Amino acid sequence: IYNSKIPAPLSVVCAVIKFHIETSGAEAASDPNLRSLAAGFFLHFLCPIFVDPAAAGININLPKNTRRGMILCAKLLQTLANGNRFDVGYMQAMNPFLDRNEARFSQFCAEVVESGNDLAPYVFKSLPPSVEFELWWNLYCFIVRNREKIYEITSRKEPKATEELQKQLLVSNQYLLELYREYSQFWKQKSTPENDQKYKDA
């Protein structure tokens, strides 16, 4: 995994999320290494392939023991990404492996984001940095909901894949920007305890 080249669109996704988590100040103080970004990358893009290869278009017949081994690999990788250690007896033997790979894993995560850093500010340059983190969570959910489309794009291995992903992200950006403006106007013009609660609920 460390020696693999991450597809450019996935690097752009990670870089964009990292860029605006940092500029908005969300999580930056409590999570200086943005461990949540790495955990999300493994949770939604990599580990599912180990758990269910067929869902990623890899149609192979695996013996039951092999499938169990792949699930354990996914659990191991996700635990490494989360920065945790095993407390379950039969998995504790893997904790030394996690300790040995902590530094290398952090370097790998930095490399994933670094290759998309140049594009990240450009993709979302119009969105103000003061946007509440809840809206960025909506963006994150948008990416997760469309991860199959991202898989489809990256599998083509064409230069246009990055352009297509940028278009999708820009569409999401426009939606969030309009939502932000609408709620901002609502807040300024009709600020009452009742309406403030409606805004928060929305």
N, C-alpha and C. Protein backbone atom coordinates (compact mmCIF):
# COMPACT_ATOMS: atom_id res chain seq x y z
N ILE A 1 0.84 -1.20 0.00
CA ILE A 1 0.00 0.00 0.00
C ILE A 1 0.87 1.25 0.00
N TYR A 2 1.92 1.24 0.82
CA TYR A 2 2.78 2.42 0.92
C TYR A 2 3.39 2.79 -0.43
N ASN A 3 3.71 1.79 -1.23
CA ASN A 3 4.38 2.04 -2.50
C ASN A 3 3.42 2.25 -3.67
N SER A 4 2.13 2.21 -3.39
CA SER A 4 1.14 2.38 -4.44
C SER A 4 0.92 3.86 -4.74
N LYS A 5 0.57 4.14 -5.98
CA LYS A 5 0.25 5.50 -6.38
C LYS A 5 -1.25 5.72 -6.26
N ILE A 6 -1.64 6.66 -5.41
CA ILE A 6 -3.05 6.94 -5.21
C ILE A 6 -3.59 7.69 -6.42
N PRO A 7 -4.75 7.29 -6.98
CA PRO A 7 -5.33 8.01 -8.12
C PRO A 7 -5.51 9.49 -7.81
N ALA A 8 -5.21 10.33 -8.79
CA ALA A 8 -5.25 11.78 -8.59
C ALA A 8 -6.59 12.28 -8.05
N PRO A 9 -7.73 11.80 -8.56
CA PRO A 9 -9.00 12.31 -8.02
C PRO A 9 -9.17 12.08 -6.53
N LEU A 10 -8.71 10.93 -6.03
CA LEU A 10 -8.82 10.67 -4.60
C LEU A 10 -7.91 11.61 -3.80
N SER A 11 -6.73 11.90 -4.34
CA SER A 11 -5.83 12.84 -3.67
C SER A 11 -6.45 14.23 -3.62
N VAL A 12 -7.14 14.61 -4.70
CA VAL A 12 -7.80 15.92 -4.73
C VAL A 12 -8.90 15.97 -3.67
N VAL A 13 -9.68 14.91 -3.56
CA VAL A 13 -10.74 14.86 -2.55
C VAL A 13 -10.15 15.07 -1.16
N CYS A 14 -9.09 14.32 -0.83
CA CYS A 14 -8.46 14.43 0.49
C CYS A 14 -7.87 15.82 0.70
N ALA A 15 -7.22 16.36 -0.33
CA ALA A 15 -6.58 17.66 -0.21
C ALA A 15 -7.61 18.77 0.00
N VAL A 16 -8.73 18.67 -0.71
CA VAL A 16 -9.78 19.68 -0.57
C VAL A 16 -10.35 19.68 0.84
N ILE A 17 -10.65 18.49 1.36
CA ILE A 17 -11.19 18.41 2.72
C ILE A 17 -10.18 18.93 3.73
N LYS A 18 -8.91 18.54 3.58
CA LYS A 18 -7.87 19.00 4.50
C LYS A 18 -7.71 20.52 4.44
N PHE A 19 -7.73 21.07 3.22
CA PHE A 19 -7.54 22.51 3.02
C PHE A 19 -8.59 23.31 3.79
N HIS A 20 -9.83 22.90 3.70
CA HIS A 20 -10.89 23.69 4.32
C HIS A 20 -11.13 23.33 5.78
N ILE A 21 -10.70 22.16 6.21
CA ILE A 21 -10.70 21.89 7.65
C ILE A 21 -9.71 22.83 8.31
N GLU A 22 -8.55 23.01 7.68
CA GLU A 22 -7.51 23.88 8.23
C GLU A 22 -7.92 25.34 8.19
N THR A 23 -8.46 25.80 7.04
CA THR A 23 -8.79 27.21 6.91
C THR A 23 -10.00 27.61 7.76
N SER A 24 -10.89 26.66 8.03
CA SER A 24 -12.05 26.96 8.87
C SER A 24 -11.72 26.83 10.35
N GLY A 25 -10.59 26.18 10.65
CA GLY A 25 -10.19 26.00 12.04
C GLY A 25 -10.81 24.78 12.69
N ALA A 26 -11.70 24.10 12.00
CA ALA A 26 -12.35 22.93 12.57
C ALA A 26 -11.36 21.79 12.74
N GLU A 27 -11.27 21.27 13.95
CA GLU A 27 -10.45 20.11 14.30
C GLU A 27 -8.95 20.38 14.27
N ALA A 28 -8.52 21.53 13.78
CA ALA A 28 -7.08 21.77 13.62
C ALA A 28 -6.34 21.71 14.95
N ALA A 29 -6.97 22.26 15.99
CA ALA A 29 -6.29 22.30 17.29
C ALA A 29 -6.29 20.93 17.96
N SER A 30 -7.43 20.25 17.89
CA SER A 30 -7.53 18.97 18.58
C SER A 30 -6.93 17.82 17.78
N ASP A 31 -6.75 18.02 16.49
CA ASP A 31 -6.25 16.95 15.63
C ASP A 31 -5.24 17.53 14.64
N PRO A 32 -4.05 17.94 15.12
CA PRO A 32 -3.09 18.62 14.24
C PRO A 32 -2.66 17.78 13.04
N ASN A 33 -2.70 16.46 13.17
CA ASN A 33 -2.31 15.59 12.05
C ASN A 33 -3.50 15.19 11.18
N LEU A 34 -4.68 15.76 11.51
CA LEU A 34 -5.90 15.46 10.76
C LEU A 34 -6.10 13.96 10.60
N ARG A 35 -6.00 13.27 11.72
CA ARG A 35 -6.15 11.82 11.71
C ARG A 35 -7.53 11.42 11.19
N SER A 36 -8.54 12.25 11.43
CA SER A 36 -9.89 11.93 10.96
C SER A 36 -9.95 11.83 9.45
N LEU A 37 -9.12 12.62 8.76
CA LEU A 37 -9.09 12.56 7.30
C LEU A 37 -8.55 11.22 6.83
N ALA A 38 -7.47 10.77 7.46
CA ALA A 38 -6.90 9.47 7.10
C ALA A 38 -7.87 8.34 7.42
N ALA A 39 -8.53 8.45 8.57
CA ALA A 39 -9.49 7.41 8.96
C ALA A 39 -10.63 7.34 7.95
N GLY A 40 -11.11 8.49 7.50
CA GLY A 40 -12.18 8.52 6.52
C GLY A 40 -11.77 7.94 5.19
N PHE A 41 -10.52 8.21 4.78
CA PHE A 41 -10.01 7.69 3.50
C PHE A 41 -10.00 6.17 3.52
N PHE A 42 -9.50 5.59 4.61
CA PHE A 42 -9.43 4.13 4.69
C PHE A 42 -10.82 3.53 4.88
N LEU A 43 -11.66 4.21 5.66
CA LEU A 43 -12.99 3.67 5.96
C LEU A 43 -13.87 3.58 4.71
N HIS A 44 -13.78 4.58 3.83
CA HIS A 44 -14.71 4.66 2.71
C HIS A 44 -14.12 4.25 1.36
N PHE A 45 -12.80 4.25 1.23
CA PHE A 45 -12.22 3.98 -0.08
C PHE A 45 -11.38 2.70 -0.14
N LEU A 46 -10.70 2.35 0.93
CA LEU A 46 -9.76 1.23 0.86
C LEU A 46 -10.27 -0.03 1.56
N CYS A 47 -10.64 0.11 2.82
CA CYS A 47 -11.04 -1.08 3.58
C CYS A 47 -12.26 -1.81 3.00
N PRO A 48 -13.24 -1.10 2.42
CA PRO A 48 -14.38 -1.84 1.82
C PRO A 48 -13.96 -2.83 0.74
N ILE A 49 -12.84 -2.57 0.06
CA ILE A 49 -12.38 -3.49 -0.98
C ILE A 49 -11.94 -4.81 -0.36
N PHE A 50 -11.32 -4.73 0.82
CA PHE A 50 -10.91 -5.95 1.52
C PHE A 50 -12.14 -6.73 2.01
N VAL A 51 -13.13 -6.01 2.49
CA VAL A 51 -14.31 -6.66 3.06
C VAL A 51 -15.20 -7.25 1.98
N ASP A 52 -15.38 -6.52 0.87
CA ASP A 52 -16.27 -6.98 -0.20
C ASP A 52 -15.66 -6.64 -1.56
N PRO A 53 -14.73 -7.44 -2.04
CA PRO A 53 -14.07 -7.15 -3.32
C PRO A 53 -15.05 -7.03 -4.48
N ALA A 54 -16.12 -7.80 -4.46
CA ALA A 54 -17.09 -7.78 -5.57
C ALA A 54 -17.72 -6.41 -5.73
N ALA A 55 -17.94 -5.70 -4.62
CA ALA A 55 -18.55 -4.37 -4.69
C ALA A 55 -17.65 -3.37 -5.41
N ALA A 56 -16.34 -3.66 -5.45
CA ALA A 56 -15.39 -2.80 -6.14
C ALA A 56 -15.08 -3.31 -7.54
N GLY A 57 -15.85 -4.30 -7.99
CA GLY A 57 -15.66 -4.82 -9.34
C GLY A 57 -14.61 -5.90 -9.45
N ILE A 58 -14.16 -6.42 -8.31
CA ILE A 58 -13.16 -7.49 -8.31
C ILE A 58 -13.88 -8.81 -8.07
N ASN A 59 -14.14 -9.53 -9.12
CA ASN A 59 -14.91 -10.77 -9.02
C ASN A 59 -13.98 -11.98 -8.91
N ILE A 60 -13.73 -12.38 -7.69
CA ILE A 60 -12.89 -13.56 -7.44
C ILE A 60 -13.55 -14.42 -6.38
N ASN A 61 -13.41 -15.71 -6.54
CA ASN A 61 -13.95 -16.65 -5.56
C ASN A 61 -12.87 -16.95 -4.51
N LEU A 62 -13.17 -16.58 -3.29
CA LEU A 62 -12.19 -16.75 -2.21
C LEU A 62 -12.69 -17.77 -1.20
N PRO A 63 -11.79 -18.63 -0.72
CA PRO A 63 -12.16 -19.56 0.35
C PRO A 63 -12.58 -18.79 1.60
N LYS A 64 -13.34 -19.43 2.45
CA LYS A 64 -13.85 -18.78 3.65
C LYS A 64 -12.73 -18.24 4.52
N ASN A 65 -11.66 -19.01 4.69
CA ASN A 65 -10.54 -18.56 5.54
C ASN A 65 -9.84 -17.34 4.95
N THR A 66 -9.74 -17.31 3.61
CA THR A 66 -9.11 -16.16 2.95
C THR A 66 -9.94 -14.90 3.15
N ARG A 67 -11.25 -15.03 3.01
CA ARG A 67 -12.14 -13.88 3.21
C ARG A 67 -12.03 -13.37 4.65
N ARG A 68 -11.96 -14.31 5.59
CA ARG A 68 -11.81 -13.90 7.00
C ARG A 68 -10.48 -13.17 7.19
N GLY A 69 -9.43 -13.66 6.53
CA GLY A 69 -8.13 -13.00 6.62
C GLY A 69 -8.17 -11.59 6.06
N MET A 70 -8.90 -11.39 4.96
CA MET A 70 -9.01 -10.06 4.36
C MET A 70 -9.79 -9.11 5.26
N ILE A 71 -10.81 -9.64 5.92
CA ILE A 71 -11.57 -8.81 6.86
C ILE A 71 -10.69 -8.39 8.03
N LEU A 72 -9.85 -9.31 8.50
CA LEU A 72 -8.92 -8.97 9.59
C LEU A 72 -7.90 -7.94 9.13
N CYS A 73 -7.47 -8.03 7.86
CA CYS A 73 -6.56 -7.01 7.31
C CYS A 73 -7.23 -5.64 7.29
N ALA A 74 -8.50 -5.62 6.89
CA ALA A 74 -9.25 -4.36 6.88
C ALA A 74 -9.35 -3.78 8.29
N LYS A 75 -9.61 -4.65 9.26
CA LYS A 75 -9.70 -4.21 10.65
C LYS A 75 -8.36 -3.66 11.12
N LEU A 76 -7.28 -4.32 10.72
CA LEU A 76 -5.94 -3.88 11.11
C LEU A 76 -5.62 -2.51 10.52
N LEU A 77 -5.90 -2.34 9.22
CA LEU A 77 -5.63 -1.06 8.56
C LEU A 77 -6.48 0.07 9.14
N GLN A 78 -7.75 -0.22 9.41
CA GLN A 78 -8.62 0.82 9.95
C GLN A 78 -8.19 1.22 11.35
N THR A 79 -7.74 0.26 12.14
CA THR A 79 -7.25 0.58 13.49
C THR A 79 -6.00 1.44 13.41
N LEU A 80 -5.12 1.14 12.45
CA LEU A 80 -3.93 1.96 12.24
C LEU A 80 -4.33 3.37 11.83
N ALA A 81 -5.30 3.49 10.93
CA ALA A 81 -5.75 4.80 10.47
C ALA A 81 -6.39 5.60 11.60
N ASN A 82 -7.10 4.93 12.49
CA ASN A 82 -7.76 5.61 13.60
C ASN A 82 -6.79 6.01 14.71
N GLY A 83 -5.57 5.45 14.66
CA GLY A 83 -4.60 5.74 15.71
C GLY A 83 -4.87 5.00 17.00
N ASN A 84 -5.61 3.91 16.91
CA ASN A 84 -5.96 3.12 18.10
C ASN A 84 -5.08 1.89 18.23
N ARG A 85 -5.32 1.13 19.29
CA ARG A 85 -4.65 -0.15 19.50
C ARG A 85 -5.71 -1.17 19.90
N PHE A 86 -5.43 -2.43 19.62
CA PHE A 86 -6.39 -3.49 19.91
C PHE A 86 -6.43 -3.79 21.40
N ASP A 87 -7.63 -3.96 21.94
CA ASP A 87 -7.77 -4.43 23.32
C ASP A 87 -8.43 -5.81 23.37
N VAL A 88 -8.82 -6.32 22.19
CA VAL A 88 -9.37 -7.67 22.11
C VAL A 88 -8.22 -8.67 22.12
N GLY A 89 -8.34 -9.69 22.92
CA GLY A 89 -7.24 -10.63 23.14
C GLY A 89 -6.58 -11.17 21.89
N TYR A 90 -7.38 -11.70 20.95
CA TYR A 90 -6.79 -12.38 19.79
C TYR A 90 -6.16 -11.41 18.79
N MET A 91 -6.41 -10.10 18.94
CA MET A 91 -5.82 -9.11 18.03
C MET A 91 -4.67 -8.33 18.67
N GLN A 92 -4.47 -8.49 19.97
CA GLN A 92 -3.43 -7.72 20.65
C GLN A 92 -2.04 -8.03 20.14
N ALA A 93 -1.86 -9.21 19.55
CA ALA A 93 -0.55 -9.57 19.01
C ALA A 93 -0.14 -8.66 17.85
N MET A 94 -1.11 -7.93 17.28
CA MET A 94 -0.82 -7.04 16.15
C MET A 94 -0.45 -5.63 16.60
N ASN A 95 -0.55 -5.34 17.89
CA ASN A 95 -0.23 -3.99 18.37
C ASN A 95 1.22 -3.59 18.09
N PRO A 96 2.21 -4.50 18.24
CA PRO A 96 3.58 -4.11 17.88
C PRO A 96 3.71 -3.71 16.40
N PHE A 97 2.95 -4.37 15.53
CA PHE A 97 2.94 -4.01 14.11
C PHE A 97 2.41 -2.58 13.94
N LEU A 98 1.35 -2.25 14.66
CA LEU A 98 0.79 -0.90 14.59
C LEU A 98 1.80 0.13 15.09
N ASP A 99 2.50 -0.19 16.16
CA ASP A 99 3.51 0.72 16.70
C ASP A 99 4.63 0.97 15.68
N ARG A 100 5.07 -0.10 15.03
CA ARG A 100 6.17 0.04 14.06
C ARG A 100 5.77 0.87 12.85
N ASN A 101 4.51 0.84 12.50
CA ASN A 101 4.06 1.50 11.27
C ASN A 101 3.43 2.87 11.49
N GLU A 102 3.41 3.33 12.71
CA GLU A 102 2.76 4.61 13.02
C GLU A 102 3.38 5.76 12.23
N ALA A 103 4.70 5.89 12.29
CA ALA A 103 5.38 7.00 11.62
C ALA A 103 5.26 6.88 10.10
N ARG A 104 5.45 5.68 9.58
CA ARG A 104 5.36 5.48 8.13
C ARG A 104 3.95 5.75 7.62
N PHE A 105 2.97 5.39 8.42
CA PHE A 105 1.59 5.63 8.02
C PHE A 105 1.30 7.13 7.94
N SER A 106 1.78 7.88 8.91
CA SER A 106 1.59 9.34 8.88
C SER A 106 2.22 9.94 7.64
N GLN A 107 3.40 9.44 7.28
CA GLN A 107 4.07 9.92 6.07
C GLN A 107 3.25 9.58 4.83
N PHE A 108 2.69 8.38 4.79
CA PHE A 108 1.86 7.96 3.66
C PHE A 108 0.66 8.88 3.50
N CYS A 109 -0.01 9.20 4.62
CA CYS A 109 -1.18 10.09 4.57
C CYS A 109 -0.80 11.47 4.05
N ALA A 110 0.37 11.96 4.48
CA ALA A 110 0.83 13.26 4.00
C ALA A 110 1.08 13.23 2.50
N GLU A 111 1.62 12.12 2.01
CA GLU A 111 1.89 12.00 0.58
C GLU A 111 0.60 11.94 -0.24
N VAL A 112 -0.42 11.29 0.31
CA VAL A 112 -1.71 11.21 -0.38
C VAL A 112 -2.28 12.60 -0.60
N VAL A 113 -2.24 13.42 0.45
CA VAL A 113 -2.81 14.76 0.36
C VAL A 113 -1.92 15.69 -0.46
N GLU A 114 -0.60 15.54 -0.32
CA GLU A 114 0.34 16.46 -0.95
C GLU A 114 0.17 16.51 -2.46
N SER A 115 -0.09 15.36 -3.09
CA SER A 115 -0.18 15.33 -4.54
C SER A 115 -1.40 16.08 -5.05
N GLY A 116 -2.38 16.35 -4.17
CA GLY A 116 -3.55 17.11 -4.60
C GLY A 116 -3.59 18.52 -4.06
N ASN A 117 -2.53 18.94 -3.36
CA ASN A 117 -2.52 20.24 -2.70
C ASN A 117 -2.65 21.41 -3.66
N ASP A 118 -2.04 21.31 -4.84
CA ASP A 118 -2.06 22.43 -5.78
C ASP A 118 -3.46 22.72 -6.29
N LEU A 119 -4.29 21.68 -6.37
CA LEU A 119 -5.63 21.85 -6.91
C LEU A 119 -6.65 22.23 -5.84
N ALA A 120 -6.38 21.88 -4.60
CA ALA A 120 -7.38 22.07 -3.55
C ALA A 120 -7.86 23.51 -3.41
N PRO A 121 -6.97 24.52 -3.30
CA PRO A 121 -7.46 25.89 -3.16
C PRO A 121 -8.25 26.35 -4.38
N TYR A 122 -7.85 25.87 -5.57
CA TYR A 122 -8.52 26.29 -6.80
C TYR A 122 -9.94 25.76 -6.88
N VAL A 123 -10.12 24.50 -6.47
CA VAL A 123 -11.43 23.86 -6.61
C VAL A 123 -12.48 24.58 -5.79
N PHE A 124 -12.12 25.03 -4.58
CA PHE A 124 -13.11 25.66 -3.72
C PHE A 124 -12.75 27.09 -3.33
N LYS A 125 -12.07 27.80 -4.21
CA LYS A 125 -11.58 29.13 -3.83
C LYS A 125 -12.71 30.13 -3.56
N SER A 126 -13.92 29.88 -4.09
CA SER A 126 -15.00 30.83 -3.94
C SER A 126 -15.74 30.70 -2.61
N LEU A 127 -15.52 29.61 -1.90
CA LEU A 127 -16.28 29.39 -0.67
C LEU A 127 -15.58 30.04 0.51
N PRO A 128 -16.27 30.91 1.27
CA PRO A 128 -15.62 31.62 2.38
C PRO A 128 -15.14 30.65 3.45
N PRO A 129 -13.98 30.93 4.05
CA PRO A 129 -13.41 30.01 5.04
C PRO A 129 -14.19 29.95 6.34
N SER A 130 -15.13 30.90 6.54
CA SER A 130 -15.87 30.93 7.79
C SER A 130 -17.09 30.02 7.80
N VAL A 131 -17.26 29.25 6.71
CA VAL A 131 -18.41 28.35 6.65
C VAL A 131 -18.37 27.38 7.82
N GLU A 132 -19.53 27.15 8.42
CA GLU A 132 -19.59 26.25 9.56
C GLU A 132 -19.17 24.85 9.16
N PHE A 133 -18.58 24.14 10.12
CA PHE A 133 -18.08 22.80 9.82
C PHE A 133 -19.20 21.85 9.41
N GLU A 134 -20.44 22.11 9.90
CA GLU A 134 -21.55 21.25 9.53
C GLU A 134 -21.75 21.21 8.01
N LEU A 135 -21.49 22.35 7.34
CA LEU A 135 -21.63 22.37 5.89
C LEU A 135 -20.53 21.56 5.23
N TRP A 136 -19.35 21.59 5.82
CA TRP A 136 -18.28 20.76 5.26
C TRP A 136 -18.57 19.28 5.48
N TRP A 137 -19.28 19.00 6.56
CA TRP A 137 -19.68 17.61 6.77
C TRP A 137 -20.66 17.19 5.68
N ASN A 138 -21.52 18.11 5.23
CA ASN A 138 -22.42 17.81 4.12
C ASN A 138 -21.63 17.49 2.86
N LEU A 139 -20.56 18.25 2.64
CA LEU A 139 -19.71 17.98 1.48
C LEU A 139 -19.09 16.59 1.59
N TYR A 140 -18.62 16.28 2.77
CA TYR A 140 -18.02 14.96 2.99
C TYR A 140 -19.03 13.86 2.69
N CYS A 141 -20.27 14.04 3.16
CA CYS A 141 -21.32 13.05 2.91
C CYS A 141 -21.61 12.94 1.42
N PHE A 142 -21.56 14.08 0.73
CA PHE A 142 -21.78 14.06 -0.73
C PHE A 142 -20.74 13.19 -1.42
N ILE A 143 -19.49 13.35 -1.01
CA ILE A 143 -18.41 12.56 -1.61
C ILE A 143 -18.61 11.08 -1.31
N VAL A 144 -19.00 10.77 -0.07
CA VAL A 144 -19.21 9.37 0.30
C VAL A 144 -20.35 8.77 -0.50
N ARG A 145 -21.45 9.53 -0.64
CA ARG A 145 -22.60 9.00 -1.39
C ARG A 145 -22.25 8.74 -2.85
N ASN A 146 -21.28 9.49 -3.37
CA ASN A 146 -20.91 9.35 -4.78
C ASN A 146 -19.61 8.60 -4.98
N ARG A 147 -19.19 7.83 -3.97
CA ARG A 147 -17.90 7.18 -4.08
C ARG A 147 -17.88 6.15 -5.21
N GLU A 148 -19.04 5.55 -5.54
CA GLU A 148 -19.06 4.60 -6.65
C GLU A 148 -18.74 5.31 -7.96
N LYS A 149 -19.23 6.54 -8.09
CA LYS A 149 -18.91 7.33 -9.29
C LYS A 149 -17.43 7.65 -9.32
N ILE A 150 -16.86 7.93 -8.15
CA ILE A 150 -15.43 8.22 -8.07
C ILE A 150 -14.64 6.99 -8.47
N TYR A 151 -15.06 5.81 -7.97
CA TYR A 151 -14.39 4.57 -8.37
C TYR A 151 -14.44 4.41 -9.89
N GLU A 152 -15.61 4.68 -10.46
CA GLU A 152 -15.78 4.52 -11.91
C GLU A 152 -14.83 5.44 -12.67
N ILE A 153 -14.72 6.67 -12.19
CA ILE A 153 -13.86 7.65 -12.87
C ILE A 153 -12.40 7.23 -12.78
N THR A 154 -11.96 6.87 -11.57
CA THR A 154 -10.55 6.54 -11.40
C THR A 154 -10.16 5.28 -12.14
N SER A 155 -11.13 4.38 -12.34
CA SER A 155 -10.80 3.13 -13.02
C SER A 155 -10.52 3.34 -14.50
N ARG A 156 -10.93 4.45 -15.04
CA ARG A 156 -10.70 4.71 -16.46
C ARG A 156 -9.24 5.05 -16.76
N LYS A 157 -8.57 5.57 -15.75
CA LYS A 157 -7.15 5.93 -15.89
C LYS A 157 -6.94 6.88 -17.08
N GLU A 158 -7.77 7.92 -17.11
CA GLU A 158 -7.66 8.93 -18.16
C GLU A 158 -7.43 10.29 -17.52
N PRO A 159 -6.75 11.19 -18.24
CA PRO A 159 -6.53 12.54 -17.70
C PRO A 159 -7.83 13.26 -17.39
N LYS A 160 -8.89 12.95 -18.13
CA LYS A 160 -10.15 13.65 -17.93
C LYS A 160 -10.81 13.28 -16.61
N ALA A 161 -10.31 12.23 -15.96
CA ALA A 161 -10.92 11.80 -14.70
C ALA A 161 -10.87 12.90 -13.65
N THR A 162 -9.72 13.58 -13.55
CA THR A 162 -9.59 14.66 -12.57
C THR A 162 -10.54 15.80 -12.90
N GLU A 163 -10.66 16.15 -14.18
CA GLU A 163 -11.56 17.23 -14.59
C GLU A 163 -13.01 16.89 -14.23
N GLU A 164 -13.38 15.65 -14.45
CA GLU A 164 -14.75 15.23 -14.14
C GLU A 164 -15.03 15.32 -12.65
N LEU A 165 -14.06 14.90 -11.85
CA LEU A 165 -14.24 14.96 -10.41
C LEU A 165 -14.34 16.41 -9.94
N GLN A 166 -13.54 17.29 -10.54
CA GLN A 166 -13.60 18.71 -10.19
C GLN A 166 -14.98 19.27 -10.47
N LYS A 167 -15.58 18.86 -11.59
CA LYS A 167 -16.92 19.34 -11.93
C LYS A 167 -17.92 18.92 -10.87
N GLN A 168 -17.81 17.66 -10.43
CA GLN A 168 -18.73 17.18 -9.40
C GLN A 168 -18.55 17.96 -8.10
N LEU A 169 -17.30 18.22 -7.74
CA LEU A 169 -17.04 18.95 -6.50
C LEU A 169 -17.51 20.40 -6.61
N LEU A 170 -17.36 21.00 -7.79
CA LEU A 170 -17.80 22.37 -7.98
C LEU A 170 -19.32 22.48 -7.90
N VAL A 171 -20.01 21.47 -8.39
CA VAL A 171 -21.47 21.45 -8.26
C VAL A 171 -21.86 21.44 -6.78
N SER A 172 -21.18 20.60 -6.01
CA SER A 172 -21.43 20.55 -4.58
C SER A 172 -21.08 21.87 -3.92
N ASN A 173 -19.98 22.47 -4.36
CA ASN A 173 -19.55 23.76 -3.83
C ASN A 173 -20.63 24.82 -4.04
N GLN A 174 -21.22 24.86 -5.24
CA GLN A 174 -22.25 25.85 -5.55
C GLN A 174 -23.47 25.65 -4.67
N TYR A 175 -23.84 24.40 -4.46
CA TYR A 175 -24.98 24.09 -3.61
C TYR A 175 -24.74 24.58 -2.18
N LEU A 176 -23.57 24.28 -1.64
CA LEU A 176 -23.26 24.69 -0.27
C LEU A 176 -23.19 26.20 -0.14
N LEU A 177 -22.66 26.87 -1.16
CA LEU A 177 -22.55 28.32 -1.14
C LEU A 177 -23.94 28.96 -1.11
N GLU A 178 -24.84 28.47 -1.95
CA GLU A 178 -26.20 29.00 -1.98
C GLU A 178 -26.91 28.74 -0.65
N LEU A 179 -26.69 27.56 -0.11
CA LEU A 179 -27.29 27.22 1.18
C LEU A 179 -26.78 28.15 2.27
N TYR A 180 -25.50 28.41 2.25
CA TYR A 180 -24.87 29.29 3.24
C TYR A 180 -25.46 30.70 3.15
N ARG A 181 -25.57 31.22 1.92
CA ARG A 181 -26.11 32.57 1.73
C ARG A 181 -27.57 32.66 2.18
N GLU A 182 -28.33 31.64 1.82
CA GLU A 182 -29.76 31.64 2.18
C GLU A 182 -29.94 31.65 3.69
N TYR A 183 -29.21 30.80 4.38
CA TYR A 183 -29.35 30.74 5.83
C TYR A 183 -28.78 31.98 6.50
N SER A 184 -27.75 32.57 5.91
CA SER A 184 -27.18 33.80 6.47
C SER A 184 -28.19 34.93 6.42
N GLN A 185 -28.89 35.08 5.28
CA GLN A 185 -29.90 36.12 5.14
C GLN A 185 -31.06 35.87 6.11
N PHE A 186 -31.46 34.62 6.20
CA PHE A 186 -32.54 34.26 7.12
C PHE A 186 -32.19 34.65 8.54
N TRP A 187 -30.95 34.36 8.90
CA TRP A 187 -30.48 34.64 10.27
C TRP A 187 -30.48 36.15 10.55
N LYS A 188 -30.01 36.96 9.60
CA LYS A 188 -29.89 38.40 9.80
C LYS A 188 -31.25 39.09 9.86
N GLN A 189 -32.17 38.66 8.98
CA GLN A 189 -33.43 39.37 8.83
C GLN A 189 -34.49 38.94 9.85
N LYS A 190 -34.42 37.71 10.30
CA LYS A 190 -35.49 37.19 11.15
C LYS A 190 -34.92 36.53 12.40
N SER A 191 -33.99 37.20 13.02
CA SER A 191 -33.33 36.61 14.18
C SER A 191 -34.20 36.76 15.42
N THR A 192 -34.88 35.69 15.77
CA THR A 192 -35.65 35.59 17.00
C THR A 192 -35.31 34.24 17.62
N PRO A 193 -35.56 34.05 18.90
CA PRO A 193 -35.27 32.74 19.49
C PRO A 193 -35.91 31.58 18.73
N GLU A 194 -37.18 31.79 18.28
CA GLU A 194 -37.86 30.72 17.55
C GLU A 194 -37.20 30.45 16.21
N ASN A 195 -36.93 31.53 15.47
CA ASN A 195 -36.33 31.37 14.14
C ASN A 195 -34.90 30.86 14.22
N ASP A 196 -34.19 31.29 15.27
CA ASP A 196 -32.82 30.80 15.44
C ASP A 196 -32.82 29.28 15.61
N GLN A 197 -33.81 28.77 16.35
CA GLN A 197 -33.89 27.33 16.54
C GLN A 197 -34.24 26.63 15.24
N LYS A 198 -35.13 27.26 14.42
CA LYS A 198 -35.47 26.69 13.12
C LYS A 198 -34.23 26.62 12.23
N TYR A 199 -33.41 27.67 12.30
CA TYR A 199 -32.18 27.69 11.50
C TYR A 199 -31.27 26.54 11.89
N LYS A 200 -31.12 26.36 13.20
CA LYS A 200 -30.24 25.28 13.67
C LYS A 200 -30.79 23.91 13.27
N ASP A 201 -32.11 23.75 13.38
CA ASP A 201 -32.72 22.48 13.00
C ASP A 201 -32.54 22.21 11.51
N ALA A 202 -32.65 23.26 10.69
CA ALA A 202 -32.49 23.11 9.24
C ALA A 202 -31.08 22.70 8.90
